[in-house]
N, C-alpha and C. Protein backbone atom coordinates (compact mmCIF):
# COMPACT_ATOMS: atom_id res chain seq x y z
N MET A 1 233.29 243.09 369.12
CA MET A 1 233.69 244.49 368.81
C MET A 1 232.69 245.50 369.30
N LEU A 2 231.36 245.08 369.28
CA LEU A 2 230.33 246.00 369.71
C LEU A 2 230.43 246.20 371.22
N ASP A 3 230.78 245.10 371.94
CA ASP A 3 230.87 245.25 373.36
C ASP A 3 231.99 246.23 373.85
N LYS A 4 233.08 246.17 373.08
CA LYS A 4 234.15 247.19 373.41
C LYS A 4 233.73 248.57 373.09
N LEU A 5 232.94 248.78 372.08
CA LEU A 5 232.48 250.11 371.71
C LEU A 5 231.52 250.63 372.73
N VAL A 6 230.58 249.75 373.17
CA VAL A 6 229.70 250.13 374.25
C VAL A 6 230.40 250.42 375.58
N GLY A 7 231.37 249.59 375.87
CA GLY A 7 232.20 249.84 377.08
C GLY A 7 232.92 251.13 377.05
N LEU A 8 233.46 251.44 375.90
CA LEU A 8 234.23 252.70 375.69
C LEU A 8 233.23 253.91 375.81
N ALA A 9 232.05 253.77 375.28
CA ALA A 9 231.08 254.91 375.34
C ALA A 9 230.59 255.08 376.81
N MET A 10 230.44 253.95 377.53
CA MET A 10 230.01 254.10 378.92
C MET A 10 231.22 254.67 379.74
N LEU A 11 232.41 254.35 379.48
CA LEU A 11 233.57 254.90 380.15
C LEU A 11 233.64 256.41 379.89
N VAL A 12 233.49 256.86 378.66
CA VAL A 12 233.56 258.25 378.31
C VAL A 12 232.42 258.98 378.98
N ALA A 13 231.22 258.43 378.96
CA ALA A 13 230.04 259.10 379.59
C ALA A 13 230.29 259.24 381.14
N ALA A 14 230.76 258.17 381.73
CA ALA A 14 230.97 258.24 383.18
C ALA A 14 232.09 259.20 383.46
N SER A 15 233.16 259.26 382.73
CA SER A 15 234.24 260.23 382.96
C SER A 15 233.77 261.64 382.77
N ALA A 16 232.95 261.91 381.80
CA ALA A 16 232.49 263.26 381.54
C ALA A 16 231.56 263.70 382.70
N VAL A 17 230.68 262.76 383.21
CA VAL A 17 229.82 263.13 384.32
C VAL A 17 230.66 263.43 385.59
N PHE A 18 231.62 262.59 385.80
CA PHE A 18 232.51 262.76 386.98
C PHE A 18 233.26 264.09 386.95
N ILE A 19 233.83 264.43 385.75
CA ILE A 19 234.59 265.69 385.67
C ILE A 19 233.61 266.85 385.78
N TYR A 20 232.46 266.82 385.17
CA TYR A 20 231.47 267.87 385.25
C TYR A 20 231.00 268.12 386.74
N TYR A 21 230.67 266.93 387.47
CA TYR A 21 230.23 267.05 388.81
C TYR A 21 231.39 267.51 389.71
N SER A 22 232.60 267.13 389.47
CA SER A 22 233.66 267.54 390.29
C SER A 22 233.93 269.01 390.18
N ILE A 23 233.90 269.51 388.92
CA ILE A 23 234.12 270.94 388.74
C ILE A 23 232.99 271.75 389.38
N TRP A 24 231.75 271.27 389.22
CA TRP A 24 230.54 271.91 389.81
C TRP A 24 230.67 271.98 391.28
N THR A 25 231.04 270.89 391.98
CA THR A 25 231.00 270.90 393.39
C THR A 25 232.29 271.40 394.06
N LEU A 26 233.45 271.21 393.42
CA LEU A 26 234.69 271.54 394.06
C LEU A 26 235.30 272.88 393.64
N ALA A 27 235.08 273.27 392.34
CA ALA A 27 235.66 274.51 391.87
C ALA A 27 234.72 275.66 391.79
N MET A 28 233.51 275.46 391.55
CA MET A 28 232.56 276.60 391.38
C MET A 28 232.31 277.41 392.62
N PRO A 29 232.39 276.80 393.86
CA PRO A 29 232.30 277.75 395.00
C PRO A 29 233.36 278.85 395.11
N PHE A 30 234.46 278.61 394.40
CA PHE A 30 235.54 279.61 394.50
C PHE A 30 235.45 280.61 393.37
N VAL A 31 234.48 280.41 392.42
CA VAL A 31 234.34 281.37 391.33
C VAL A 31 233.28 282.47 391.73
N ASP A 32 233.49 283.71 391.37
CA ASP A 32 232.53 284.73 391.62
C ASP A 32 231.15 284.41 391.11
N ALA A 33 230.18 284.83 391.86
CA ALA A 33 228.75 284.55 391.51
C ALA A 33 228.33 285.11 390.17
N ASP A 34 228.91 286.28 389.81
CA ASP A 34 228.51 286.93 388.52
C ASP A 34 229.31 286.51 387.32
N HIS A 35 230.23 285.54 387.47
CA HIS A 35 231.04 285.06 386.37
C HIS A 35 230.15 284.30 385.41
N PRO A 36 230.39 284.41 384.09
CA PRO A 36 229.61 283.71 383.09
C PRO A 36 229.69 282.18 383.11
N LEU A 37 230.73 281.68 383.82
CA LEU A 37 230.89 280.23 383.96
C LEU A 37 229.75 279.60 384.71
N HIS A 38 229.12 280.33 385.61
CA HIS A 38 228.03 279.85 386.35
C HIS A 38 226.81 279.45 385.55
N SER A 39 226.71 279.97 384.34
CA SER A 39 225.60 279.70 383.48
C SER A 39 225.60 278.26 382.95
N PHE A 40 226.74 277.48 383.07
CA PHE A 40 226.89 276.15 382.62
C PHE A 40 226.47 275.12 383.69
N PHE A 41 226.17 275.61 384.96
CA PHE A 41 225.90 274.70 386.03
C PHE A 41 224.59 275.11 386.68
N PRO A 42 223.80 274.11 387.17
CA PRO A 42 222.58 274.42 387.93
C PRO A 42 222.91 274.96 389.30
N PRO A 43 221.94 275.42 390.06
CA PRO A 43 222.21 275.84 391.40
C PRO A 43 222.89 274.79 392.28
N ARG A 44 223.67 275.29 393.28
CA ARG A 44 224.45 274.41 394.08
C ARG A 44 223.59 273.32 394.94
N GLU A 45 222.40 273.71 395.30
CA GLU A 45 221.67 272.77 396.08
C GLU A 45 221.36 271.50 395.38
N TRP A 46 221.33 271.56 394.05
CA TRP A 46 221.10 270.36 393.24
C TRP A 46 222.28 269.41 393.21
N ALA A 47 223.46 269.86 393.70
CA ALA A 47 224.67 269.01 393.76
C ALA A 47 224.41 268.02 394.93
N ILE A 48 223.48 268.22 395.78
CA ILE A 48 223.18 267.30 396.87
C ILE A 48 221.90 266.55 396.45
N ARG A 49 220.93 267.25 395.96
CA ARG A 49 219.61 266.64 395.64
C ARG A 49 219.71 265.55 394.59
N ILE A 50 220.50 265.77 393.56
CA ILE A 50 220.56 264.83 392.47
C ILE A 50 221.17 263.45 392.93
N PRO A 51 222.27 263.43 393.67
CA PRO A 51 222.76 262.10 394.10
C PRO A 51 221.86 261.42 395.15
N VAL A 52 221.10 262.22 395.97
CA VAL A 52 220.21 261.69 396.94
C VAL A 52 219.10 261.03 396.22
N ILE A 53 218.53 261.66 395.19
CA ILE A 53 217.43 261.11 394.41
C ILE A 53 217.88 259.86 393.69
N LEU A 54 219.12 259.88 393.11
CA LEU A 54 219.56 258.68 392.39
C LEU A 54 219.75 257.55 393.36
N ILE A 55 220.27 257.82 394.61
CA ILE A 55 220.49 256.76 395.52
C ILE A 55 219.11 256.15 396.01
N LEU A 56 218.08 257.06 396.19
CA LEU A 56 216.81 256.54 396.63
C LEU A 56 216.13 255.74 395.51
N LEU A 57 216.22 256.18 394.29
CA LEU A 57 215.74 255.44 393.18
C LEU A 57 216.38 254.05 393.01
N GLY A 58 217.71 254.13 393.09
CA GLY A 58 218.47 252.85 392.91
C GLY A 58 218.18 251.87 394.00
N SER A 59 218.10 252.31 395.25
CA SER A 59 217.72 251.39 396.30
C SER A 59 216.29 250.90 396.22
N ALA A 60 215.37 251.73 395.69
CA ALA A 60 214.00 251.22 395.50
C ALA A 60 214.01 250.15 394.44
N VAL A 61 214.68 250.41 393.33
CA VAL A 61 214.71 249.38 392.28
C VAL A 61 215.35 248.07 392.78
N LEU A 62 216.52 248.19 393.47
CA LEU A 62 217.20 247.01 393.96
C LEU A 62 216.29 246.30 394.96
N GLY A 63 215.67 247.01 395.85
CA GLY A 63 214.79 246.40 396.81
C GLY A 63 213.61 245.68 396.17
N SER A 64 213.03 246.27 395.17
CA SER A 64 211.92 245.63 394.39
C SER A 64 212.41 244.41 393.71
N PHE A 65 213.54 244.46 393.05
CA PHE A 65 214.12 243.30 392.43
C PHE A 65 214.33 242.12 393.41
N LEU A 66 214.93 242.47 394.49
CA LEU A 66 215.29 241.39 395.47
C LEU A 66 213.96 240.77 396.08
N SER A 67 212.98 241.70 396.32
CA SER A 67 211.71 241.12 396.89
C SER A 67 211.06 240.21 395.85
N ILE A 68 211.06 240.62 394.58
CA ILE A 68 210.44 239.77 393.53
C ILE A 68 211.14 238.44 393.40
N VAL A 69 212.49 238.44 393.47
CA VAL A 69 213.24 237.23 393.39
C VAL A 69 212.96 236.32 394.60
N MET A 70 212.87 236.90 395.80
CA MET A 70 212.62 236.14 396.99
C MET A 70 211.26 235.55 396.94
N ILE A 71 210.28 236.29 396.48
CA ILE A 71 208.84 235.81 396.41
C ILE A 71 208.79 234.59 395.40
N ARG A 72 209.42 234.76 394.24
CA ARG A 72 209.33 233.68 393.22
C ARG A 72 210.12 232.47 393.76
N SER A 73 211.19 232.62 394.45
CA SER A 73 211.92 231.56 395.03
C SER A 73 211.14 230.84 396.04
N ASN A 74 210.43 231.45 396.92
CA ASN A 74 209.57 230.83 397.93
C ASN A 74 208.40 230.12 397.27
N ARG A 75 207.82 230.65 396.24
CA ARG A 75 206.77 229.98 395.45
C ARG A 75 207.25 228.70 394.89
N LYS A 76 208.49 228.69 394.28
CA LYS A 76 209.09 227.46 393.72
C LYS A 76 209.26 226.37 394.80
N LYS A 77 209.83 226.86 395.96
CA LYS A 77 210.04 225.93 397.09
C LYS A 77 208.78 225.35 397.57
N ALA A 78 207.74 226.13 397.68
CA ALA A 78 206.43 225.70 398.13
C ALA A 78 205.86 224.70 397.12
N ALA A 79 205.97 224.97 395.88
CA ALA A 79 205.50 224.10 394.80
C ALA A 79 206.24 222.68 394.80
N LYS A 80 207.50 222.79 395.05
CA LYS A 80 208.32 221.56 395.14
C LYS A 80 207.92 220.73 396.37
N ALA A 81 207.75 221.41 397.45
CA ALA A 81 207.39 220.64 398.64
C ALA A 81 205.97 220.05 398.48
N LYS A 82 205.07 220.75 397.83
CA LYS A 82 203.71 220.29 397.68
C LYS A 82 203.77 219.07 396.71
N SER A 83 204.52 219.14 395.71
CA SER A 83 204.58 218.00 394.74
C SER A 83 205.29 216.80 395.38
N ALA A 84 206.26 217.05 396.16
CA ALA A 84 206.94 215.94 396.88
C ALA A 84 206.03 215.30 397.86
N ALA A 85 205.21 216.14 398.53
CA ALA A 85 204.28 215.55 399.55
C ALA A 85 203.22 214.71 398.83
N ALA A 86 202.78 215.22 397.64
CA ALA A 86 201.75 214.48 396.86
C ALA A 86 202.31 213.17 396.34
N LYS A 87 203.58 213.11 395.95
CA LYS A 87 204.18 211.89 395.45
C LYS A 87 204.34 210.89 396.61
N LYS A 88 204.75 211.46 397.76
CA LYS A 88 204.93 210.64 398.91
C LYS A 88 203.62 209.98 399.46
N LYS A 89 202.55 210.78 399.26
CA LYS A 89 201.22 210.25 399.70
C LYS A 89 200.68 209.22 398.76
N ALA A 90 201.01 209.39 397.48
CA ALA A 90 200.45 208.48 396.50
C ALA A 90 201.17 207.15 396.43
């Protein structure tokens, strides 16, 4: 039950972010600059900066994770090879 609730909350959050970002990037350029609706949105240059920052952070985290996994895997292989060579020698 909890997993369905968490999934629903994530779906609602993702939908809200998508709708907000879509309105910000697609509709707001056609609204007059002095309209009060502009107070709900940050400046337009952040519509590009935020996704770029998120992509850079995500790729850095993913690259770090993959490099850690590869390093640990190589250490395990080296340890196995070393123990196999020691058993063969003895």
